[in-house]
C-alpha atoms as a PDB file:
ATOM      1  CA  MET A   1      38.527  13.821   1.007  1.00  0.00           C
ATOM      2  CA  PRO A   2      37.798  10.124   1.654  1.00  0.00           C
ATOM      3  CA  ALA A   3      34.702   8.546   0.157  1.00  0.00           C
ATOM      4  CA  LYS A   4      31.738   8.506   2.489  1.00  0.00           C
ATOM      5  CA  THR A   5      30.582   4.995   3.361  1.00  0.00           C
ATOM      6  CA  ALA A   6      26.890   4.288   3.706  1.00  0.00           C
ATOM      7  CA  PRO A   7      25.700   3.669   7.265  1.00  0.00           C
ATOM      8  CA  THR A   8      24.558   0.156   8.106  1.00  0.00           C
ATOM      9  CA  GLY A   9      21.230   1.415   9.435  1.00  0.00           C
ATOM     10  CA  TYR A  10      19.153   4.466  10.231  1.00  0.00           C
ATOM     11  CA  SER A  11      19.950   6.702  13.197  1.00  0.00           C
ATOM     12  CA  ARG A  12      17.605   7.128  16.159  1.00  0.00           C
ATOM     13  CA  LEU A  13      16.716  10.588  14.863  1.00  0.00           C
ATOM     14  CA  GLN A  14      15.916   9.272  11.373  1.00  0.00           C
ATOM     15  CA  ILE A  15      13.703   6.558  12.868  1.00  0.00           C
ATOM     16  CA  ALA A  16      11.987   8.984  15.253  1.00  0.00           C
ATOM     17  CA  LEU A  17      11.262  11.432  12.429  1.00  0.00           C
ATOM     18  CA  HIS A  18       9.911   8.617  10.228  1.00  0.00           C
ATOM     19  CA  TRP A  19       7.373   7.534  12.864  1.00  0.00           C
ATOM     20  CA  LEU A  20       6.562  11.085  13.923  1.00  0.00           C
ATOM     21  CA  ILE A  21       5.739  12.000  10.322  1.00  0.00           C
ATOM     22  CA  PHE A  22       3.636   8.851  10.035  1.00  0.00           C
ATOM     23  CA  ALA A  23       1.654   9.834  13.147  1.00  0.00           C
ATOM     24  CA  LEU A  24       1.204  13.405  11.895  1.00  0.00           C
ATOM     25  CA  ILE A  25      -0.010  12.257   8.483  1.00  0.00           C
ATOM     26  CA  ALA A  26      -2.434   9.828  10.141  1.00  0.00           C
ATOM     27  CA  GLN A  27      -3.865  12.615  12.310  1.00  0.00           C
ATOM     28  CA  GLN A  28      -4.191  14.833   9.240  1.00  0.00           C
ATOM     29  CA  TYR A  29      -6.516  12.246   7.682  1.00  0.00           C
ATOM     30  CA  LEU A  30      -8.363  11.433  10.899  1.00  0.00           C
ATOM     31  CA  PHE A  31      -9.207  15.048  11.727  1.00  0.00           C
ATOM     32  CA  LYS A  32      -9.606  16.540   8.246  1.00  0.00           C
ATOM     33  CA  ASP A  33     -13.366  17.027   8.561  1.00  0.00           C
ATOM     34  CA  ALA A  34     -12.989  20.155  10.710  1.00  0.00           C
ATOM     35  CA  MET A  35     -10.710  21.703   8.090  1.00  0.00           C
ATOM     36  CA  SER A  36     -13.090  20.774   5.274  1.00  0.00           C
ATOM     37  CA  ALA A  37     -16.026  22.285   7.168  1.00  0.00           C
ATOM     38  CA  ALA A  38     -14.086  25.483   7.870  1.00  0.00           C
ATOM     39  CA  TRP A  39     -13.056  25.742   4.206  1.00  0.00           C
ATOM     40  CA  ASP A  40     -16.691  25.262   3.129  1.00  0.00           C
ATOM     41  CA  ARG A  41     -17.792  28.078   5.490  1.00  0.00           C
ATOM     42  CA  ILE A  42     -15.129  30.406   4.121  1.00  0.00           C
ATOM     43  CA  THR A  43     -15.945  29.659   0.484  1.00  0.00           C
ATOM     44  CA  ASP A  44     -19.611  30.321   1.333  1.00  0.00           C
ATOM     45  CA  GLY A  45     -18.595  33.778   2.589  1.00  0.00           C
ATOM     46  CA  LEU A  46     -19.044  32.940   6.257  1.00  0.00           C
ATOM     47  CA  GLU A  47     -16.670  33.259   9.206  1.00  0.00           C
ATOM     48  CA  ALA A  48     -14.755  30.091   9.979  1.00  0.00           C
ATOM     49  CA  GLY A  49     -14.305  30.913  13.660  1.00  0.00           C
ATOM     50  CA  PHE A  50     -11.625  29.342  15.828  1.00  0.00           C
ATOM     51  CA  ASP A  51     -11.476  25.561  15.878  1.00  0.00           C
ATOM     52  CA  PRO A  52      -8.598  23.741  17.605  1.00  0.00           C
ATOM     53  CA  LEU A  53      -8.867  20.909  15.053  1.00  0.00           C
ATOM     54  CA  VAL A  54      -8.301  23.388  12.228  1.00  0.00           C
ATOM     55  CA  LEU A  55      -5.271  24.735  14.076  1.00  0.00           C
ATOM     56  CA  ALA A  56      -4.047  21.152  14.581  1.00  0.00           C
ATOM     57  CA  HIS A  57      -4.419  20.500  10.835  1.00  0.00           C
ATOM     58  CA  VAL A  58      -2.499  23.629   9.863  1.00  0.00           C
ATOM     59  CA  ALA A  59       0.225  23.028  12.468  1.00  0.00           C
ATOM     60  CA  GLY A  60       0.371  19.314  11.648  1.00  0.00           C
ATOM     61  CA  GLY A  61       0.887  20.044   7.961  1.00  0.00           C
ATOM     62  CA  ALA A  62       3.650  22.526   8.739  1.00  0.00           C
ATOM     63  CA  LEU A  63       5.345  19.976  10.989  1.00  0.00           C
ATOM     64  CA  VAL A  64       5.128  17.266   8.319  1.00  0.00           C
ATOM     65  CA  MET A  65       6.927  19.558   5.882  1.00  0.00           C
ATOM     66  CA  ILE A  66       9.550  20.671   8.415  1.00  0.00           C
ATOM     67  CA  PHE A  67      10.263  17.098   9.509  1.00  0.00           C
ATOM     68  CA  ALA A  68      10.381  15.855   5.894  1.00  0.00           C
ATOM     69  CA  LEU A  69      12.931  18.557   5.031  1.00  0.00           C
ATOM     70  CA  TRP A  70      14.888  17.599   8.159  1.00  0.00           C
ATOM     71  CA  ARG A  71      14.848  13.949   7.052  1.00  0.00           C
ATOM     72  CA  LEU A  72      16.101  14.926   3.602  1.00  0.00           C
ATOM     73  CA  THR A  73      18.902  16.947   5.228  1.00  0.00           C
ATOM     74  CA  LEU A  74      19.857  13.941   7.363  1.00  0.00           C
ATOM     75  CA  ARG A  75      19.837  11.705   4.282  1.00  0.00           C
ATOM     76  CA  ALA A  76      22.170  14.109   2.494  1.00  0.00           C
ATOM     77  CA  ARG A  77      24.541  14.524   5.449  1.00  0.00           C
ATOM     78  CA  ARG A  78      24.523  11.101   7.090  1.00  0.00           C
ATOM     79  CA  GLY A  79      23.369   8.897   4.260  1.00  0.00           C
ATOM     80  CA  VAL A  80      21.076   5.913   4.424  1.00  0.00           C
ATOM     81  CA  PRO A  81      21.744   2.195   4.509  1.00  0.00           C
ATOM     82  CA  PRO A  82      21.989   0.432   1.169  1.00  0.00           C
ATOM     83  CA  ALA A  83      18.695  -0.596  -0.374  1.00  0.00           C
ATOM     84  CA  ILE A  84      17.466  -4.091   0.345  1.00  0.00           C
ATOM     85  CA  GLU A  85      18.198  -6.391  -2.566  1.00  0.00           C
ATOM     86  CA  ALA A  86      15.145  -6.696  -4.764  1.00  0.00           C
ATOM     87  CA  SER A  87      14.214  -7.160  -8.375  1.00  0.00           C
ATOM     88  CA  LYS A  88      14.832  -4.239 -10.698  1.00  0.00           C
ATOM     89  CA  VAL A  89      11.078  -3.488 -10.835  1.00  0.00           C
ATOM     90  CA  GLN A  90      10.793  -3.565  -7.023  1.00  0.00           C
ATOM     91  CA  GLY A  91      13.813  -1.271  -6.705  1.00  0.00           C
ATOM     92  CA  ILE A  92      12.343   1.246  -9.149  1.00  0.00           C
ATOM     93  CA  LEU A  93       8.939   1.050  -7.464  1.00  0.00           C
ATOM     94  CA  ALA A  94      10.506   1.618  -4.026  1.00  0.00           C
ATOM     95  CA  LYS A  95      12.520   4.598  -5.299  1.00  0.00           C
ATOM     96  CA  LEU A  96       9.497   6.190  -6.998  1.00  0.00           C
ATOM     97  CA  THR A  97       7.357   5.615  -3.903  1.00  0.00           C
ATOM     98  CA  HIS A  98       9.898   7.316  -1.643  1.00  0.00           C
ATOM     99  CA  VAL A  99      10.425  10.240  -4.031  1.00  0.00           C
ATOM    100  CA  GLY A 100       6.644  10.649  -4.290  1.00  0.00           C
ATOM    101  CA  LEU A 101       6.214  10.528  -0.518  1.00  0.00           C
ATOM    102  CA  TYR A 102       8.863  13.184   0.070  1.00  0.00           C
ATOM    103  CA  ALA A 103       7.495  15.373  -2.723  1.00  0.00           C
ATOM    104  CA  LEU A 104       3.971  15.197  -1.311  1.00  0.00           C
ATOM    105  CA  MET A 105       5.131  15.780   2.272  1.00  0.00           C
ATOM    106  CA  ILE A 106       6.471  19.107   0.991  1.00  0.00           C
ATOM    107  CA  LEU A 107       3.921  20.025  -1.687  1.00  0.00           C
ATOM    108  CA  MET A 108       0.792  19.274   0.340  1.00  0.00           C
ATOM    109  CA  PRO A 109       1.601  21.685   3.186  1.00  0.00           C
ATOM    110  CA  LEU A 110       2.551  24.310   0.604  1.00  0.00           C
ATOM    111  CA  SER A 111      -0.689  23.885  -1.350  1.00  0.00           C
ATOM    112  CA  GLY A 112      -2.700  23.793   1.876  1.00  0.00           C
ATOM    113  CA  SER A 113      -1.057  27.014   3.047  1.00  0.00           C
ATOM    114  CA  VAL A 114      -1.719  28.764  -0.252  1.00  0.00           C
ATOM    115  CA  ALA A 115      -5.340  27.609  -0.127  1.00  0.00           C
ATOM    116  CA  TRP A 116      -5.952  28.449   3.548  1.00  0.00           C
ATOM    117  CA  PHE A 117      -3.984  31.659   3.925  1.00  0.00           C
ATOM    118  CA  GLY A 118      -4.320  32.857   0.335  1.00  0.00           C
ATOM    119  CA  GLY A 119      -7.863  31.699  -0.375  1.00  0.00           C
ATOM    120  CA  VAL A 120      -6.766  30.081  -3.649  1.00  0.00           C
ATOM    121  CA  GLU A 121      -9.371  27.536  -4.727  1.00  0.00           C
ATOM    122  CA  ALA A 122      -7.026  25.875  -7.268  1.00  0.00           C
ATOM    123  CA  ALA A 123      -4.531  25.203  -4.463  1.00  0.00           C
ATOM    124  CA  ALA A 124      -7.315  23.605  -2.401  1.00  0.00           C
ATOM    125  CA  GLN A 125      -8.297  21.410  -5.334  1.00  0.00           C
ATOM    126  CA  GLY A 126      -4.666  20.403  -5.897  1.00  0.00           C
ATOM    127  CA  HIS A 127      -4.347  19.682  -2.181  1.00  0.00           C
ATOM    128  CA  ASN A 128      -7.346  17.346  -2.360  1.00  0.00           C
ATOM    129  CA  VAL A 129      -5.933  15.501  -5.396  1.00  0.00           C
ATOM    130  CA  MET A 130      -2.558  15.135  -3.679  1.00  0.00           C
ATOM    131  CA  LYS A 131      -4.304  13.803  -0.555  1.00  0.00           C
ATOM    132  CA  ILE A 132      -5.544  10.811  -2.559  1.00  0.00           C
ATOM    133  CA  ILE A 133      -2.144  10.227  -4.160  1.00  0.00           C
ATOM    134  CA  LEU A 134      -0.436  10.455  -0.757  1.00  0.00           C
ATOM    135  CA  LEU A 135      -2.830   7.911   0.713  1.00  0.00           C
ATOM    136  CA  ALA A 136      -2.101   5.550  -2.198  1.00  0.00           C
ATOM    137  CA  LEU A 137       1.663   5.971  -1.772  1.00  0.00           C
ATOM    138  CA  VAL A 138       1.473   5.421   1.983  1.00  0.00           C
ATOM    139  CA  ALA A 139      -0.544   2.253   1.344  1.00  0.00           C
ATOM    140  CA  LEU A 140       2.030   1.098  -1.223  1.00  0.00           C
ATOM    141  CA  HIS A 141       4.840   1.857   1.241  1.00  0.00           C
ATOM    142  CA  VAL A 142       3.126  -0.156   4.011  1.00  0.00           C
ATOM    143  CA  ILE A 143       2.336  -3.044   1.655  1.00  0.00           C
ATOM    144  CA  GLY A 144       5.964  -3.072   0.507  1.00  0.00           C
ATOM    145  CA  ALA A 145       7.235  -3.124   4.092  1.00  0.00           C
ATOM    146  CA  LEU A 146       4.861  -5.952   5.018  1.00  0.00           C
ATOM    147  CA  TYR A 147       5.828  -7.878   1.856  1.00  0.00           C
ATOM    148  CA  HIS A 148       9.487  -7.605   2.834  1.00  0.00           C
ATOM    149  CA  GLN A 149       8.771  -8.589   6.424  1.00  0.00           C
ATOM    150  CA  PHE A 150       6.376 -11.509   5.944  1.00  0.00           C
ATOM    151  CA  ILE A 151       6.991 -12.811   2.415  1.00  0.00           C
ATOM    152  CA  LEU A 152      10.690 -12.136   1.807  1.00  0.00           C
ATOM    153  CA  ARG A 153      11.505 -12.254   5.536  1.00  0.00           C
ATOM    154  CA  ASP A 154      14.496  -9.956   4.988  1.00  0.00           C
ATOM    155  CA  ASP A 155      14.068  -7.992   8.248  1.00  0.00           C
ATOM    156  CA  THR A 156      13.380  -4.706   6.456  1.00  0.00           C
ATOM    157  CA  LEU A 157      11.050  -3.488   9.214  1.00  0.00           C
ATOM    158  CA  ALA A 158      13.837  -3.840  11.779  1.00  0.00           C
ATOM    159  CA  ARG A 159      15.625  -0.976  10.020  1.00  0.00           C
ATOM    160  CA  MET A 160      12.874   1.389  11.221  1.00  0.00           C
ATOM    161  CA  ARG A 161      12.706  -0.090  14.711  1.00  0.00           C
ATOM    162  CA  ARG A 162      16.331  -0.261  15.849  1.00  0.00           C
ATOM    163  CA  ALA A 163      19.009   2.344  15.284  1.00  0.00           C
ATOM    164  CA  GLN A 164      22.263   1.111  13.790  1.00  0.00           C
ATOM    165  CA  GLY A 165      25.588   2.615  12.775  1.00  0.00           C
END
């Protein structure tokens, strides 16, 4: 079997999933108050009642996990373009950031599900800790992309705007 060569860029599907996950994560943070209020009512022994924002949070989390797993499948099958040349420290930091992002995009919906559907307080606490770590990693990811775009001027952002082979 011939060796698989790395693609020169991301596919349209990989790019679409990247931005879709970004939008879903953003909405998770923007509309988290309804979920927090519902959780507080439940832990106080009250009925949560139906709230479309709670449903959106639950569904959004599930979609983040599904799309993250889909992205990982695409990475395994199609591959990804070679990493942008950087210092050894920057390369390690980028790799750890991406591994952390993928891990949290899977672990957070799982912990949220265990908390919400199982009523497990420890899962809710873990979910809240991971929420802070995810926000920090997203910020690091954005800062890294902007650093590449405006300081190094290596056109890194173009890789997530235009599909290539």
